[in-house]
Amino acid sequence: MTRALEAQPHHTATAETAPSRLDEEAKLDEIFSWQELARLDDALTMSSRETGLRFTLYIGDLGTPTRTQAEALHARSGGDPSESVLIALSPGQRVVEVVTGAGAARRLPDRACALAVLSMTVAFAAGDLVGGIINGLRQLSDQAGHPAALRHPH
């Protein structure tokens, strides 16, 4: 079971966050500074450690339909797809897709994913692609909480 949220009604891209099709094919280290890549890597690592879910990020053109491509990327992301979460961004298309596996979906309901997407798109509209992604990851991590094995009784 996967879920995707499309944020097309939100015109989130700006001149800084809406690269042309040619730019979207560029390497990420040409789009982001090494500091930004390190921040994204840290945020993905911390989200995965804190929740026990595997968070992955895709930035680039998703083609049409975007949901189908995002679900295919999620299925190929490695590890156990059931316990995985993919955030797929296509700045040029102004689309954010969140795909969760069945296990992850039990801890991340649609409403939580929608709120994270809304938070991200607000930051994207302000020209902050990296900050938007990091805030979205934090929101999803907070909602998912710690895995049952790491929870401490009060």
N, C-alpha and C. Protein backbone atom coordinates (compact mmCIF):
# COMPACT_ATOMS: atom_id res chain seq x y z
N MET A 1 0.85 -1.18 0.00
CA MET A 1 0.00 0.00 0.00
C MET A 1 0.88 1.23 0.00
N THR A 2 0.64 2.10 -0.90
CA THR A 2 1.39 3.35 -0.94
C THR A 2 0.42 4.51 -1.00
N ARG A 3 0.90 5.64 -0.59
CA ARG A 3 0.09 6.84 -0.63
C ARG A 3 0.92 7.95 -1.23
N ALA A 4 0.33 8.75 -2.03
CA ALA A 4 1.03 9.90 -2.61
C ALA A 4 0.15 11.12 -2.45
N LEU A 5 0.78 12.21 -2.16
CA LEU A 5 0.08 13.47 -2.02
C LEU A 5 0.62 14.41 -3.08
N GLU A 6 -0.26 14.97 -3.85
CA GLU A 6 0.15 15.88 -4.90
C GLU A 6 -0.14 17.30 -4.47
N ALA A 7 0.82 18.15 -4.64
CA ALA A 7 0.68 19.53 -4.19
C ALA A 7 0.66 20.50 -5.36
N GLN A 8 0.12 20.10 -6.48
CA GLN A 8 0.13 20.95 -7.65
C GLN A 8 -0.57 22.28 -7.47
N PRO A 9 -1.67 22.38 -6.72
CA PRO A 9 -2.32 23.68 -6.60
C PRO A 9 -1.44 24.74 -5.95
N HIS A 10 -0.44 24.32 -5.21
CA HIS A 10 0.45 25.27 -4.56
C HIS A 10 1.54 25.66 -5.55
N HIS A 11 1.54 26.89 -5.98
CA HIS A 11 2.57 27.37 -6.89
C HIS A 11 3.79 27.68 -6.05
N THR A 12 4.61 26.64 -5.84
CA THR A 12 5.68 26.74 -4.87
C THR A 12 7.02 27.11 -5.45
N ALA A 13 7.20 26.98 -6.72
CA ALA A 13 8.51 27.22 -7.29
C ALA A 13 8.79 28.71 -7.42
N THR A 14 10.03 29.05 -7.23
CA THR A 14 10.50 30.40 -7.46
C THR A 14 11.64 30.31 -8.46
N ALA A 15 12.23 31.42 -8.79
CA ALA A 15 13.35 31.39 -9.73
C ALA A 15 14.49 30.52 -9.19
N GLU A 16 14.66 30.49 -7.87
CA GLU A 16 15.74 29.69 -7.28
C GLU A 16 15.37 28.22 -7.16
N THR A 17 14.09 27.88 -7.00
CA THR A 17 13.71 26.49 -6.76
C THR A 17 13.06 25.82 -7.96
N ALA A 18 12.93 26.52 -9.06
CA ALA A 18 12.28 25.93 -10.23
C ALA A 18 13.26 25.86 -11.39
N PRO A 19 14.20 24.90 -11.34
CA PRO A 19 15.16 24.80 -12.42
C PRO A 19 14.48 24.36 -13.71
N SER A 20 15.10 24.71 -14.81
CA SER A 20 14.56 24.25 -16.09
C SER A 20 14.76 22.76 -16.21
N ARG A 21 14.17 22.16 -17.22
CA ARG A 21 14.33 20.72 -17.45
C ARG A 21 15.81 20.36 -17.56
N LEU A 22 16.59 21.20 -18.19
CA LEU A 22 18.01 20.94 -18.32
C LEU A 22 18.67 20.93 -16.95
N ASP A 23 18.31 21.90 -16.10
CA ASP A 23 18.89 21.96 -14.76
C ASP A 23 18.51 20.75 -13.93
N GLU A 24 17.28 20.24 -14.08
CA GLU A 24 16.86 19.10 -13.28
C GLU A 24 17.69 17.86 -13.59
N GLU A 25 18.29 17.81 -14.77
CA GLU A 25 19.11 16.67 -15.13
C GLU A 25 20.54 16.83 -14.62
N ALA A 26 20.87 17.99 -14.08
CA ALA A 26 22.21 18.24 -13.57
C ALA A 26 22.44 17.43 -12.31
N LYS A 27 23.69 17.23 -11.97
CA LYS A 27 24.02 16.51 -10.75
C LYS A 27 23.64 17.35 -9.53
N LEU A 28 23.25 16.67 -8.45
CA LEU A 28 22.83 17.40 -7.26
C LEU A 28 23.94 18.27 -6.69
N ASP A 29 25.20 17.84 -6.85
CA ASP A 29 26.28 18.66 -6.30
C ASP A 29 26.51 19.92 -7.11
N GLU A 30 25.84 20.03 -8.26
CA GLU A 30 25.90 21.27 -9.03
C GLU A 30 24.73 22.18 -8.66
N ILE A 31 23.67 21.63 -8.10
CA ILE A 31 22.49 22.40 -7.70
C ILE A 31 22.63 22.85 -6.25
N PHE A 32 23.12 21.96 -5.40
CA PHE A 32 23.26 22.24 -3.97
C PHE A 32 24.74 22.38 -3.61
N SER A 33 25.01 23.20 -2.63
CA SER A 33 26.37 23.28 -2.10
C SER A 33 26.64 22.02 -1.29
N TRP A 34 27.90 21.77 -0.99
CA TRP A 34 28.20 20.58 -0.20
C TRP A 34 27.63 20.70 1.21
N GLN A 35 27.52 21.94 1.71
CA GLN A 35 26.92 22.14 3.04
C GLN A 35 25.43 21.78 3.01
N GLU A 36 24.75 22.17 1.94
CA GLU A 36 23.32 21.83 1.82
C GLU A 36 23.13 20.33 1.68
N LEU A 37 24.00 19.68 0.91
CA LEU A 37 23.91 18.23 0.77
C LEU A 37 24.16 17.55 2.11
N ALA A 38 25.10 18.07 2.88
CA ALA A 38 25.38 17.51 4.21
C ALA A 38 24.17 17.68 5.13
N ARG A 39 23.53 18.84 5.07
CA ARG A 39 22.32 19.08 5.89
C ARG A 39 21.21 18.11 5.52
N LEU A 40 21.01 17.91 4.21
CA LEU A 40 19.98 16.97 3.76
C LEU A 40 20.31 15.55 4.20
N ASP A 41 21.57 15.16 4.07
CA ASP A 41 21.98 13.82 4.48
C ASP A 41 21.77 13.62 5.98
N ASP A 42 22.15 14.61 6.77
CA ASP A 42 21.95 14.53 8.22
C ASP A 42 20.47 14.41 8.57
N ALA A 43 19.63 15.19 7.90
CA ALA A 43 18.19 15.16 8.20
C ALA A 43 17.60 13.80 7.83
N LEU A 44 18.00 13.25 6.70
CA LEU A 44 17.50 11.92 6.30
C LEU A 44 17.98 10.85 7.28
N THR A 45 19.25 10.93 7.67
CA THR A 45 19.81 9.96 8.61
C THR A 45 19.12 10.02 9.96
N MET A 46 18.94 11.24 10.48
CA MET A 46 18.29 11.39 11.78
C MET A 46 16.84 10.93 11.75
N SER A 47 16.12 11.25 10.69
CA SER A 47 14.73 10.82 10.57
C SER A 47 14.64 9.30 10.58
N SER A 48 15.54 8.67 9.86
CA SER A 48 15.53 7.20 9.79
C SER A 48 15.90 6.59 11.14
N ARG A 49 16.92 7.15 11.80
CA ARG A 49 17.34 6.62 13.11
C ARG A 49 16.25 6.79 14.16
N GLU A 50 15.64 7.95 14.20
CA GLU A 50 14.65 8.24 15.23
C GLU A 50 13.38 7.42 15.09
N THR A 51 13.02 7.10 13.87
CA THR A 51 11.73 6.44 13.64
C THR A 51 11.84 4.95 13.32
N GLY A 52 13.00 4.51 12.86
CA GLY A 52 13.13 3.13 12.40
C GLY A 52 12.58 2.94 11.00
N LEU A 53 12.05 4.00 10.40
CA LEU A 53 11.58 3.96 9.02
C LEU A 53 12.74 4.39 8.12
N ARG A 54 12.71 3.97 6.87
CA ARG A 54 13.76 4.37 5.93
C ARG A 54 13.25 5.53 5.09
N PHE A 55 13.80 6.72 5.31
CA PHE A 55 13.41 7.90 4.55
C PHE A 55 14.36 8.07 3.37
N THR A 56 13.78 8.31 2.20
CA THR A 56 14.57 8.59 1.01
C THR A 56 14.03 9.84 0.34
N LEU A 57 14.88 10.47 -0.45
CA LEU A 57 14.54 11.72 -1.11
C LEU A 57 14.90 11.62 -2.57
N TYR A 58 13.98 12.05 -3.42
CA TYR A 58 14.23 12.14 -4.86
C TYR A 58 13.91 13.56 -5.29
N ILE A 59 14.84 14.17 -6.01
CA ILE A 59 14.60 15.51 -6.56
C ILE A 59 14.88 15.44 -8.05
N GLY A 60 13.85 15.72 -8.83
CA GLY A 60 14.00 15.70 -10.28
C GLY A 60 12.65 15.57 -10.94
N ASP A 61 12.66 15.49 -12.24
CA ASP A 61 11.42 15.38 -13.00
C ASP A 61 10.76 14.04 -12.71
N LEU A 62 9.46 14.06 -12.47
CA LEU A 62 8.71 12.83 -12.18
C LEU A 62 7.93 12.32 -13.39
N GLY A 63 7.95 13.05 -14.47
CA GLY A 63 7.17 12.62 -15.63
C GLY A 63 5.69 12.71 -15.34
N THR A 64 4.90 12.02 -16.16
CA THR A 64 3.46 12.03 -15.97
C THR A 64 2.94 10.61 -16.08
N PRO A 65 2.09 10.16 -15.23
CA PRO A 65 1.61 10.82 -14.01
C PRO A 65 2.68 10.75 -12.91
N THR A 66 2.75 11.80 -12.13
CA THR A 66 3.79 11.90 -11.12
C THR A 66 3.66 10.83 -10.04
N ARG A 67 2.45 10.50 -9.69
CA ARG A 67 2.25 9.50 -8.63
C ARG A 67 2.81 8.14 -9.04
N THR A 68 2.56 7.75 -10.27
CA THR A 68 3.04 6.46 -10.75
C THR A 68 4.56 6.39 -10.69
N GLN A 69 5.23 7.45 -11.12
CA GLN A 69 6.69 7.48 -11.09
C GLN A 69 7.20 7.46 -9.65
N ALA A 70 6.55 8.21 -8.76
CA ALA A 70 6.96 8.24 -7.36
C ALA A 70 6.79 6.87 -6.72
N GLU A 71 5.71 6.18 -7.02
CA GLU A 71 5.51 4.83 -6.47
C GLU A 71 6.56 3.86 -7.01
N ALA A 72 6.93 4.01 -8.28
CA ALA A 72 7.97 3.15 -8.85
C ALA A 72 9.32 3.43 -8.18
N LEU A 73 9.62 4.69 -7.93
CA LEU A 73 10.86 5.04 -7.22
C LEU A 73 10.86 4.47 -5.82
N HIS A 74 9.73 4.55 -5.14
CA HIS A 74 9.61 4.00 -3.79
C HIS A 74 9.88 2.49 -3.80
N ALA A 75 9.31 1.80 -4.75
CA ALA A 75 9.49 0.35 -4.84
C ALA A 75 10.95 -0.02 -5.09
N ARG A 76 11.70 0.83 -5.78
CA ARG A 76 13.10 0.56 -6.10
C ARG A 76 14.07 1.18 -5.11
N SER A 77 13.59 1.79 -4.04
CA SER A 77 14.46 2.55 -3.14
C SER A 77 15.33 1.67 -2.25
N GLY A 78 15.13 0.38 -2.28
CA GLY A 78 15.95 -0.52 -1.47
C GLY A 78 15.36 -0.76 -0.10
N GLY A 79 15.90 -1.71 0.60
CA GLY A 79 15.39 -2.04 1.92
C GLY A 79 13.98 -2.60 1.85
N ASP A 80 13.27 -2.54 2.94
CA ASP A 80 11.90 -3.03 3.03
C ASP A 80 10.95 -1.90 2.64
N PRO A 81 10.32 -2.00 1.45
CA PRO A 81 9.43 -0.92 1.03
C PRO A 81 8.28 -0.66 2.00
N SER A 82 7.88 -1.67 2.76
CA SER A 82 6.80 -1.50 3.71
C SER A 82 7.14 -0.47 4.79
N GLU A 83 8.40 -0.43 5.17
CA GLU A 83 8.84 0.46 6.24
C GLU A 83 9.60 1.66 5.69
N SER A 84 9.29 2.05 4.46
CA SER A 84 9.99 3.15 3.81
C SER A 84 9.06 4.31 3.49
N VAL A 85 9.67 5.49 3.43
CA VAL A 85 8.96 6.72 3.08
C VAL A 85 9.80 7.43 2.02
N LEU A 86 9.17 7.76 0.91
CA LEU A 86 9.85 8.51 -0.14
C LEU A 86 9.24 9.90 -0.24
N ILE A 87 10.09 10.91 -0.24
CA ILE A 87 9.66 12.26 -0.55
C ILE A 87 10.23 12.54 -1.93
N ALA A 88 9.36 12.72 -2.90
CA ALA A 88 9.77 12.99 -4.27
C ALA A 88 9.37 14.41 -4.64
N LEU A 89 10.35 15.20 -5.05
CA LEU A 89 10.13 16.60 -5.41
C LEU A 89 10.46 16.81 -6.87
N SER A 90 9.57 17.48 -7.55
CA SER A 90 9.84 17.90 -8.91
C SER A 90 9.59 19.40 -8.96
N PRO A 91 10.62 20.20 -8.64
CA PRO A 91 10.43 21.66 -8.60
C PRO A 91 9.92 22.23 -9.91
N GLY A 92 10.39 21.72 -11.04
CA GLY A 92 9.95 22.22 -12.33
C GLY A 92 8.48 21.96 -12.60
N GLN A 93 7.96 20.87 -12.03
CA GLN A 93 6.55 20.54 -12.17
C GLN A 93 5.71 21.07 -11.02
N ARG A 94 6.38 21.61 -10.00
CA ARG A 94 5.71 22.10 -8.79
C ARG A 94 4.91 21.00 -8.11
N VAL A 95 5.57 19.85 -7.93
CA VAL A 95 4.91 18.69 -7.36
C VAL A 95 5.74 18.13 -6.21
N VAL A 96 5.06 17.75 -5.14
CA VAL A 96 5.65 17.01 -4.04
C VAL A 96 4.81 15.75 -3.87
N GLU A 97 5.47 14.61 -3.89
CA GLU A 97 4.78 13.33 -3.66
C GLU A 97 5.38 12.69 -2.43
N VAL A 98 4.55 12.21 -1.52
CA VAL A 98 5.01 11.43 -0.37
C VAL A 98 4.41 10.04 -0.54
N VAL A 99 5.29 9.04 -0.62
CA VAL A 99 4.85 7.66 -0.78
C VAL A 99 5.30 6.89 0.45
N THR A 100 4.36 6.21 1.09
CA THR A 100 4.67 5.42 2.28
C THR A 100 4.32 3.97 2.03
N GLY A 101 5.14 3.08 2.57
CA GLY A 101 4.82 1.67 2.53
C GLY A 101 3.73 1.37 3.56
N ALA A 102 3.23 0.15 3.56
CA ALA A 102 2.12 -0.22 4.43
C ALA A 102 2.45 -0.01 5.91
N GLY A 103 3.63 -0.44 6.34
CA GLY A 103 4.01 -0.27 7.74
C GLY A 103 4.19 1.19 8.12
N ALA A 104 4.81 1.94 7.24
CA ALA A 104 5.01 3.36 7.48
C ALA A 104 3.69 4.12 7.49
N ALA A 105 2.75 3.70 6.65
CA ALA A 105 1.45 4.37 6.56
C ALA A 105 0.67 4.26 7.87
N ARG A 106 0.88 3.19 8.63
CA ARG A 106 0.19 3.05 9.92
C ARG A 106 0.67 4.11 10.90
N ARG A 107 1.90 4.56 10.74
CA ARG A 107 2.46 5.57 11.64
C ARG A 107 2.42 6.98 11.06
N LEU A 108 2.17 7.07 9.76
CA LEU A 108 2.09 8.37 9.08
C LEU A 108 0.78 8.46 8.31
N PRO A 109 -0.28 8.86 8.97
CA PRO A 109 -1.56 8.97 8.28
C PRO A 109 -1.53 10.07 7.21
N ASP A 110 -2.49 10.02 6.32
CA ASP A 110 -2.57 11.00 5.23
C ASP A 110 -2.51 12.43 5.74
N ARG A 111 -3.20 12.70 6.82
CA ARG A 111 -3.24 14.08 7.35
C ARG A 111 -1.85 14.56 7.74
N ALA A 112 -1.05 13.70 8.38
CA ALA A 112 0.31 14.08 8.78
C ALA A 112 1.17 14.35 7.55
N CYS A 113 1.02 13.52 6.54
CA CYS A 113 1.79 13.72 5.30
C CYS A 113 1.37 15.02 4.62
N ALA A 114 0.06 15.29 4.61
CA ALA A 114 -0.43 16.51 3.98
C ALA A 114 0.09 17.76 4.70
N LEU A 115 0.15 17.71 6.02
CA LEU A 115 0.67 18.85 6.78
C LEU A 115 2.16 19.06 6.50
N ALA A 116 2.91 17.97 6.39
CA ALA A 116 4.33 18.08 6.08
C ALA A 116 4.53 18.67 4.69
N VAL A 117 3.71 18.23 3.73
CA VAL A 117 3.80 18.76 2.37
C VAL A 117 3.45 20.25 2.37
N LEU A 118 2.43 20.64 3.10
CA LEU A 118 2.06 22.05 3.19
C LEU A 118 3.21 22.88 3.75
N SER A 119 3.83 22.38 4.80
CA SER A 119 4.97 23.07 5.41
C SER A 119 6.11 23.21 4.41
N MET A 120 6.38 22.14 3.66
CA MET A 120 7.45 22.19 2.67
C MET A 120 7.15 23.21 1.58
N THR A 121 5.91 23.20 1.08
CA THR A 121 5.58 24.08 -0.03
C THR A 121 5.62 25.56 0.37
N VAL A 122 5.30 25.85 1.62
CA VAL A 122 5.41 27.23 2.10
C VAL A 122 6.88 27.67 2.07
N ALA A 123 7.78 26.81 2.52
CA ALA A 123 9.21 27.13 2.49
C ALA A 123 9.71 27.24 1.05
N PHE A 124 9.23 26.34 0.19
CA PHE A 124 9.65 26.38 -1.23
C PHE A 124 9.23 27.71 -1.86
N ALA A 125 8.03 28.16 -1.54
CA ALA A 125 7.53 29.42 -2.10
C ALA A 125 8.39 30.60 -1.66
N ALA A 126 8.99 30.47 -0.49
CA ALA A 126 9.88 31.52 0.01
C ALA A 126 11.30 31.36 -0.52
N GLY A 127 11.53 30.34 -1.37
CA GLY A 127 12.84 30.14 -1.97
C GLY A 127 13.77 29.27 -1.16
N ASP A 128 13.27 28.55 -0.17
CA ASP A 128 14.11 27.73 0.71
C ASP A 128 13.84 26.25 0.47
N LEU A 129 14.46 25.69 -0.55
CA LEU A 129 14.26 24.28 -0.90
C LEU A 129 14.81 23.36 0.19
N VAL A 130 16.03 23.58 0.61
CA VAL A 130 16.67 22.71 1.61
C VAL A 130 15.94 22.80 2.95
N GLY A 131 15.66 24.03 3.40
CA GLY A 131 14.95 24.19 4.67
C GLY A 131 13.57 23.57 4.65
N GLY A 132 12.89 23.67 3.52
CA GLY A 132 11.57 23.06 3.39
C GLY A 132 11.63 21.54 3.51
N ILE A 133 12.61 20.95 2.87
CA ILE A 133 12.76 19.49 2.94
C ILE A 133 13.07 19.07 4.37
N ILE A 134 13.99 19.77 5.01
CA ILE A 134 14.38 19.42 6.38
C ILE A 134 13.20 19.57 7.33
N ASN A 135 12.43 20.65 7.21
CA ASN A 135 11.26 20.82 8.07
C ASN A 135 10.23 19.74 7.82
N GLY A 136 10.02 19.37 6.56
CA GLY A 136 9.09 18.29 6.25
C GLY A 136 9.52 16.97 6.86
N LEU A 137 10.82 16.68 6.79
CA LEU A 137 11.34 15.46 7.40
C LEU A 137 11.14 15.48 8.92
N ARG A 138 11.37 16.62 9.54
CA ARG A 138 11.17 16.73 10.99
C ARG A 138 9.71 16.48 11.37
N GLN A 139 8.81 17.06 10.60
CA GLN A 139 7.39 16.86 10.89
C GLN A 139 7.00 15.39 10.73
N LEU A 140 7.45 14.76 9.67
CA LEU A 140 7.13 13.35 9.46
C LEU A 140 7.74 12.49 10.57
N SER A 141 8.96 12.80 10.97
CA SER A 141 9.61 12.05 12.05
C SER A 141 8.87 12.20 13.36
N ASP A 142 8.48 13.44 13.67
CA ASP A 142 7.75 13.68 14.91
C ASP A 142 6.44 12.90 14.91
N GLN A 143 5.74 12.89 13.79
CA GLN A 143 4.47 12.17 13.71
C GLN A 143 4.67 10.67 13.83
N ALA A 144 5.69 10.14 13.17
CA ALA A 144 5.92 8.68 13.19
C ALA A 144 6.37 8.22 14.57
N GLY A 145 7.09 9.06 15.28
CA GLY A 145 7.58 8.70 16.60
C GLY A 145 8.64 7.61 16.54
N HIS A 146 8.99 7.11 17.70
CA HIS A 146 10.00 6.06 17.80
C HIS A 146 9.36 4.71 17.50
N PRO A 147 10.15 3.78 16.98
CA PRO A 147 9.60 2.43 16.76
C PRO A 147 9.26 1.80 18.11
N ALA A 148 8.30 0.88 18.10
CA ALA A 148 7.82 0.26 19.33
C ALA A 148 8.97 -0.31 20.17
N ALA A 149 9.98 -0.87 19.52
CA ALA A 149 11.10 -1.48 20.23
C ALA A 149 11.92 -0.46 21.03
N LEU A 150 11.89 0.80 20.64
CA LEU A 150 12.67 1.83 21.33
C LEU A 150 11.85 2.67 22.29
N ARG A 151 10.54 2.47 22.32
CA ARG A 151 9.69 3.27 23.20
C ARG A 151 9.90 2.84 24.65
N HIS A 152 9.96 3.82 25.52
CA HIS A 152 10.15 3.57 26.94
C HIS A 152 8.82 3.76 27.66
N PRO A 153 8.44 2.81 28.51
CA PRO A 153 7.21 3.00 29.27
C PRO A 153 7.38 4.14 30.28
N HIS A 154 6.33 4.86 30.52
CA HIS A 154 6.39 6.01 31.44
C HIS A 154 6.22 5.58 32.84
